[in-house]
N, C-alpha and C. Protein backbone atom coordinates (compact mmCIF):
# COMPACT_ATOMS: atom_id res chain seq x y z
N MET A 1 25.90 -17.22 -12.63
CA MET A 1 24.41 -17.77 -12.09
C MET A 1 24.27 -16.71 -11.52
N THR A 2 24.75 -15.79 -10.40
CA THR A 2 24.39 -15.16 -9.28
C THR A 2 23.32 -13.68 -9.96
N ASP A 3 24.31 -13.17 -10.40
CA ASP A 3 23.91 -12.17 -12.06
C ASP A 3 22.25 -12.43 -12.67
N GLU A 4 22.23 -13.78 -12.96
CA GLU A 4 21.46 -14.14 -13.81
C GLU A 4 19.95 -14.57 -12.80
N VAL A 5 20.60 -15.02 -11.67
CA VAL A 5 19.28 -14.74 -10.69
C VAL A 5 18.65 -13.84 -9.96
N SER A 6 20.01 -12.63 -9.75
CA SER A 6 19.18 -11.52 -9.83
C SER A 6 18.51 -10.81 -10.87
N ALA A 7 19.14 -10.58 -12.27
CA ALA A 7 18.16 -10.24 -13.36
C ALA A 7 17.15 -10.87 -13.57
N ASP A 8 16.98 -12.22 -13.09
CA ASP A 8 15.47 -12.96 -13.06
C ASP A 8 14.60 -12.28 -11.74
N LEU A 9 14.99 -12.07 -10.73
CA LEU A 9 14.35 -11.27 -9.74
C LEU A 9 13.64 -10.13 -9.72
N GLN A 10 14.50 -9.32 -10.46
CA GLN A 10 14.41 -8.19 -10.53
C GLN A 10 13.07 -8.07 -11.82
N GLU A 11 13.45 -8.95 -12.71
CA GLU A 11 12.21 -8.97 -13.99
C GLU A 11 10.37 -9.28 -13.21
N ALA A 12 11.08 -10.33 -12.21
CA ALA A 12 9.62 -10.53 -12.07
C ALA A 12 9.20 -10.05 -10.65
N GLN A 13 10.22 -8.58 -9.42
CA GLN A 13 9.24 -7.57 -9.53
C GLN A 13 9.16 -6.98 -10.54
N ARG A 14 9.59 -6.32 -11.29
CA ARG A 14 9.07 -5.69 -12.10
C ARG A 14 7.26 -5.95 -12.30
N ALA A 15 7.23 -7.30 -12.73
CA ALA A 15 6.23 -7.58 -13.36
C ALA A 15 4.83 -7.53 -12.47
N PHE A 16 5.66 -7.71 -11.16
CA PHE A 16 4.41 -8.17 -9.91
C PHE A 16 4.35 -6.37 -9.75
N ARG A 17 4.79 -5.55 -9.74
CA ARG A 17 4.72 -4.42 -9.65
C ARG A 17 3.71 -3.88 -10.89
N ARG A 18 3.62 -3.94 -11.92
CA ARG A 18 3.20 -3.80 -12.97
C ARG A 18 1.74 -4.39 -12.59
N VAL A 19 1.46 -5.48 -12.19
CA VAL A 19 0.13 -5.81 -12.07
C VAL A 19 -0.50 -5.85 -10.46
N LEU A 20 0.16 -5.43 -9.92
CA LEU A 20 -0.31 -4.10 -9.03
C LEU A 20 -1.04 -3.30 -9.27
N ARG A 21 -0.05 -2.27 -9.85
CA ARG A 21 -0.54 -1.11 -10.62
C ARG A 21 -1.80 -1.04 -11.34
N GLY A 22 -1.77 -2.31 -12.15
CA GLY A 22 -3.21 -2.75 -12.77
C GLY A 22 -4.39 -3.03 -12.10
N ARG A 23 -4.50 -3.78 -10.71
CA ARG A 23 -4.88 -3.95 -10.12
C ARG A 23 -5.83 -2.53 -9.29
N MET A 24 -4.46 -1.91 -8.93
CA MET A 24 -4.89 -0.31 -8.30
C MET A 24 -6.20 0.03 -9.12
N THR A 25 -5.34 0.47 -10.47
CA THR A 25 -6.17 1.12 -11.62
C THR A 25 -7.58 0.12 -11.71
N ALA A 26 -7.39 -0.91 -11.69
CA ALA A 26 -8.87 -1.63 -11.79
C ALA A 26 -9.67 -1.26 -10.81
N CYS A 27 -9.49 -0.71 -9.41
CA CYS A 27 -10.51 -0.84 -8.32
C CYS A 27 -10.58 0.99 -7.93
N ASN A 28 -9.61 1.46 -9.21
CA ASN A 28 -10.23 3.17 -9.29
C ASN A 28 -9.56 4.09 -8.23
N VAL A 29 -8.20 3.26 -7.81
CA VAL A 29 -7.13 3.93 -6.63
C VAL A 29 -6.58 4.93 -7.45
N PRO A 30 -6.48 6.27 -7.28
CA PRO A 30 -6.14 7.39 -7.89
C PRO A 30 -4.76 7.51 -7.97
N ASP A 31 -4.35 7.66 -9.17
CA ASP A 31 -2.61 7.86 -9.24
C ASP A 31 -2.07 8.30 -8.09
N SER A 32 -2.33 8.94 -7.49
CA SER A 32 -1.88 9.95 -6.22
C SER A 32 -1.54 9.29 -5.25
N LEU A 33 -2.45 8.29 -5.30
CA LEU A 33 -2.06 7.41 -4.43
C LEU A 33 -1.23 5.78 -4.51
N GLN A 34 -1.35 5.54 -5.88
CA GLN A 34 -0.67 4.14 -6.12
C GLN A 34 0.87 4.22 -5.59
N GLY A 35 1.48 4.89 -5.88
CA GLY A 35 2.60 5.13 -5.34
C GLY A 35 2.97 4.38 -3.88
N GLY A 36 2.65 5.20 -3.11
CA GLY A 36 2.97 5.17 -1.65
C GLY A 36 2.01 3.62 -1.57
N LEU A 37 1.31 3.19 -2.03
CA LEU A 37 0.53 1.95 -1.68
C LEU A 37 1.58 0.81 -2.11
N GLU A 38 1.76 1.13 -3.49
CA GLU A 38 3.40 0.23 -3.70
C GLU A 38 4.51 -0.01 -3.09
N ARG A 39 4.88 1.16 -2.75
CA ARG A 39 6.00 1.27 -2.33
C ARG A 39 5.99 0.62 -0.63
N TYR A 40 4.71 0.00 -0.25
CA TYR A 40 4.40 -0.21 1.28
C TYR A 40 4.30 -1.93 0.74
N LEU A 41 3.55 -1.95 -0.24
CA LEU A 41 2.90 -3.26 -0.21
C LEU A 41 4.21 -4.26 -0.79
N VAL A 42 4.89 -3.60 -1.59
CA VAL A 42 6.37 -3.85 -2.32
C VAL A 42 7.40 -3.96 -1.51
N ASP A 43 8.08 -2.80 -1.01
CA ASP A 43 9.24 -2.54 -0.60
C ASP A 43 9.29 -2.35 1.02
N ARG A 44 7.81 -2.63 1.72
CA ARG A 44 7.36 -2.49 2.81
C ARG A 44 7.92 -0.79 3.53
N ILE A 45 7.93 -0.02 2.77
CA ILE A 45 8.04 1.50 3.11
C ILE A 45 6.79 2.08 3.69
N LEU A 46 6.70 2.47 4.70
CA LEU A 46 5.05 3.21 5.24
C LEU A 46 5.01 4.75 4.44
N PRO A 47 4.17 4.46 3.58
CA PRO A 47 3.39 5.92 3.02
C PRO A 47 2.85 7.15 3.84
N GLY A 48 2.11 7.84 3.61
CA GLY A 48 1.98 8.85 4.36
C GLY A 48 0.56 8.62 5.53
N GLY A 49 0.62 10.05 6.31
CA GLY A 49 -0.37 9.74 7.42
C GLY A 49 -2.08 9.22 6.92
N PHE A 50 -2.42 9.55 6.24
CA PHE A 50 -3.46 9.45 5.19
C PHE A 50 -4.09 7.60 4.90
N LEU A 51 -2.66 7.21 4.22
CA LEU A 51 -2.80 5.91 3.84
C LEU A 51 -2.06 4.70 5.38
N GLN A 52 -1.70 5.29 5.46
CA GLN A 52 -0.99 4.79 7.00
C GLN A 52 -2.75 4.46 7.53
N ALA A 53 -3.33 5.76 8.34
CA ALA A 53 -5.06 5.39 8.73
C ALA A 53 -5.30 4.76 8.16
N VAL A 54 -5.64 4.22 6.73
CA VAL A 54 -6.28 3.46 6.09
C VAL A 54 -5.51 2.01 6.23
N LEU A 55 -4.43 1.53 6.12
CA LEU A 55 -3.81 0.63 6.53
C LEU A 55 -3.92 0.19 7.92
N CYS A 56 -3.96 1.28 8.99
CA CYS A 56 -4.45 0.80 10.14
C CYS A 56 -5.65 0.71 10.63
N ASN A 57 -6.96 0.66 9.39
CA ASN A 57 -7.90 0.53 9.69
C ASN A 57 -8.27 1.45 10.45
N ASN A 58 -7.94 2.62 11.01
CA ASN A 58 -8.68 3.36 11.78
C ASN A 58 -9.10 4.93 10.86
N LEU A 59 -10.84 4.44 10.63
CA LEU A 59 -11.74 4.85 9.59
C LEU A 59 -11.39 6.33 9.85
N ALA A 60 -11.77 6.81 11.57
CA ALA A 60 -11.74 8.30 12.03
C ALA A 60 -10.81 8.86 11.71
N GLU A 61 -9.38 8.25 11.70
CA GLU A 61 -7.89 9.35 11.21
C GLU A 61 -7.72 9.21 9.70
N ALA A 62 -8.01 8.22 9.30
CA ALA A 62 -8.34 8.25 7.74
C ALA A 62 -9.21 9.73 7.36
N CYS A 63 -10.30 9.75 7.94
CA CYS A 63 -11.47 10.78 7.68
C CYS A 63 -10.33 12.29 7.84
N HIS A 64 -9.74 12.08 8.92
CA HIS A 64 -9.42 13.49 9.29
C HIS A 64 -8.32 13.98 8.49
N ARG A 65 -7.20 12.67 7.93
CA ARG A 65 -5.84 12.92 7.11
C ARG A 65 -6.01 13.14 5.80
N ALA A 66 -7.21 12.87 5.39
CA ALA A 66 -7.90 12.84 4.31
C ALA A 66 -7.88 14.17 3.23
N ASP A 67 -7.82 14.57 2.25
CA ASP A 67 -7.96 15.49 1.08
C ASP A 67 -9.37 15.10 1.05
N PRO A 68 -9.96 16.46 -0.05
CA PRO A 68 -11.21 16.00 -0.76
C PRO A 68 -11.08 14.90 -1.65
N VAL A 69 -9.89 14.38 -2.29
CA VAL A 69 -9.99 13.88 -3.05
C VAL A 69 -9.35 12.42 -2.46
N ASN A 70 -8.86 12.22 -1.79
CA ASN A 70 -8.80 10.94 -0.85
C ASN A 70 -9.91 10.48 -0.19
N LEU A 71 -10.79 10.86 0.37
CA LEU A 71 -11.70 10.80 1.13
C LEU A 71 -12.84 10.14 -0.14
N HIS A 72 -12.91 11.14 -0.98
CA HIS A 72 -13.18 10.32 -2.10
C HIS A 72 -13.41 8.81 -2.53
N TYR A 73 -11.76 8.60 -2.42
CA TYR A 73 -11.84 7.61 -2.79
C TYR A 73 -11.40 6.79 -1.38
N LEU A 74 -11.77 6.34 -0.77
CA LEU A 74 -11.86 5.66 0.87
C LEU A 74 -12.43 4.63 0.08
N LEU A 75 -13.54 4.39 -0.17
CA LEU A 75 -13.72 2.80 -0.64
C LEU A 75 -13.04 2.04 -1.54
N GLU A 76 -12.84 2.91 -2.35
CA GLU A 76 -11.86 2.35 -3.54
C GLU A 76 -10.76 1.86 -2.80
N LEU A 77 -10.13 2.39 -2.12
CA LEU A 77 -8.67 1.83 -1.34
C LEU A 77 -9.48 0.85 -0.67
N ILE A 78 -10.13 0.75 0.48
CA ILE A 78 -10.95 -0.43 0.65
C ILE A 78 -11.19 -2.05 0.26
N VAL A 79 -11.66 -1.12 -0.88
CA VAL A 79 -12.01 -2.50 -1.82
C VAL A 79 -11.09 -3.60 -2.26
N PHE A 80 -9.49 -2.33 -2.76
CA PHE A 80 -8.27 -3.00 -3.44
C PHE A 80 -7.58 -3.81 -2.18
N LEU A 81 -7.35 -3.25 -1.15
CA LEU A 81 -6.97 -3.78 0.23
C LEU A 81 -7.61 -5.33 0.48
N GLU A 82 -8.62 -5.66 0.47
CA GLU A 82 -9.82 -6.41 0.71
C GLU A 82 -9.51 -7.86 -0.15
N SER A 83 -9.54 -6.71 -1.16
CA SER A 83 -8.93 -7.72 -2.61
C SER A 83 -8.44 -8.32 -2.80
N TYR A 84 -6.69 -8.11 -2.58
CA TYR A 84 -5.70 -8.23 -3.10
C TYR A 84 -4.16 -7.70 -2.15
N ALA A 85 -4.81 -7.64 -0.93
CA ALA A 85 -3.09 -6.98 -0.42
C ALA A 85 -3.31 -8.66 0.90
N LEU A 86 -2.32 -9.19 1.17
CA LEU A 86 -2.14 -10.19 1.91
C LEU A 86 -2.76 -9.27 3.44
N ASP A 87 -3.26 -10.12 4.14
CA ASP A 87 -4.00 -10.27 5.11
C ASP A 87 -3.17 -9.74 6.29
N ASN A 88 -1.66 -10.05 6.18
CA ASN A 88 -1.02 -9.88 7.19
C ASN A 88 -0.39 -8.27 7.23
N VAL A 89 -0.79 -7.53 6.21
CA VAL A 89 0.44 -6.44 5.91
C VAL A 89 -0.79 -5.29 6.11
N TRP A 90 -1.68 -5.23 6.93
CA TRP A 90 -2.95 -4.36 6.77
C TRP A 90 -3.98 -4.78 7.74
N GLY A 91 -5.10 -3.74 8.13
CA GLY A 91 -5.96 -4.20 9.15
C GLY A 91 -5.77 -3.82 10.66
N SER A 92 -4.74 -3.54 11.02
CA SER A 92 -4.42 -2.92 12.25
C SER A 92 -2.96 -2.53 12.40
N ARG A 93 -2.77 -1.65 13.32
CA ARG A 93 -1.75 -0.69 13.59
C ARG A 93 -0.21 -2.00 13.78
N GLU A 94 -0.72 -2.73 14.76
CA GLU A 94 0.44 -3.76 14.99
C GLU A 94 0.80 -4.80 13.72
N ARG A 95 -0.11 -5.39 12.76
CA ARG A 95 0.24 -5.71 11.43
C ARG A 95 1.31 -4.59 10.39
N VAL A 96 0.66 -3.42 10.41
CA VAL A 96 1.19 -2.31 9.63
C VAL A 96 2.70 -2.22 10.44
N LEU A 97 2.90 -2.48 11.39
CA LEU A 97 4.51 -2.60 11.91
C LEU A 97 4.92 -3.48 11.96
N ALA A 98 4.47 -4.35 11.99
CA ALA A 98 5.29 -5.69 11.97
C ALA A 98 5.55 -6.21 10.59
N TRP A 99 5.00 -5.66 9.36
CA TRP A 99 5.21 -5.75 8.05
C TRP A 99 6.60 -4.77 7.64
N THR A 100 6.24 -3.71 8.32
CA THR A 100 6.82 -2.36 7.92
C THR A 100 8.41 -2.54 7.95
N ILE A 101 9.34 -1.58 7.03
CA ILE A 101 10.60 -2.03 7.78
C ILE A 101 11.22 -0.38 7.89
N THR A 102 10.33 0.00 8.08
CA THR A 102 10.39 1.45 8.46
C THR A 102 9.58 2.06 9.67
N PRO A 103 9.37 1.39 10.56
CA PRO A 103 8.73 1.35 11.89
C PRO A 103 8.57 3.10 12.55
N ASP A 104 9.32 3.59 12.39
CA ASP A 104 10.22 5.10 12.79
C ASP A 104 9.12 5.98 12.03
N ARG A 105 8.62 5.89 10.94
CA ARG A 105 8.23 6.58 10.08
C ARG A 105 6.19 6.62 10.71
N ILE A 106 5.85 5.71 11.62
CA ILE A 106 4.56 5.56 11.83
C ILE A 106 4.23 6.87 12.58
N GLU A 107 3.06 7.70 11.72
CA GLU A 107 2.65 8.57 12.39
C GLU A 107 1.37 8.37 13.36
N LEU A 108 0.38 7.20 13.47
CA LEU A 108 -0.58 6.69 13.96
C LEU A 108 -0.27 6.02 15.88
């Protein structure tokens, strides 16, 4: 029974990841950022500095840390987060630290 439940949970998580990827793609979040966002939203692992700044709602820091491609997609990231991310997982440094299981990786 436990193996069956575990297999069901794993399949549900895979399905959720597929939906999440589809939503990121629909919001024009670039592939290069999707993995970090997925790991943060599903596995609670902090992404790199640019995404951390976006998640913490620190626009100035996000602009400083962005390369030209990521800077171009800043609005798409915000639209995705506003549309699909839970309110308690982004929007401030405190929310990000409360959500993550890797608080030692915070750069801000």
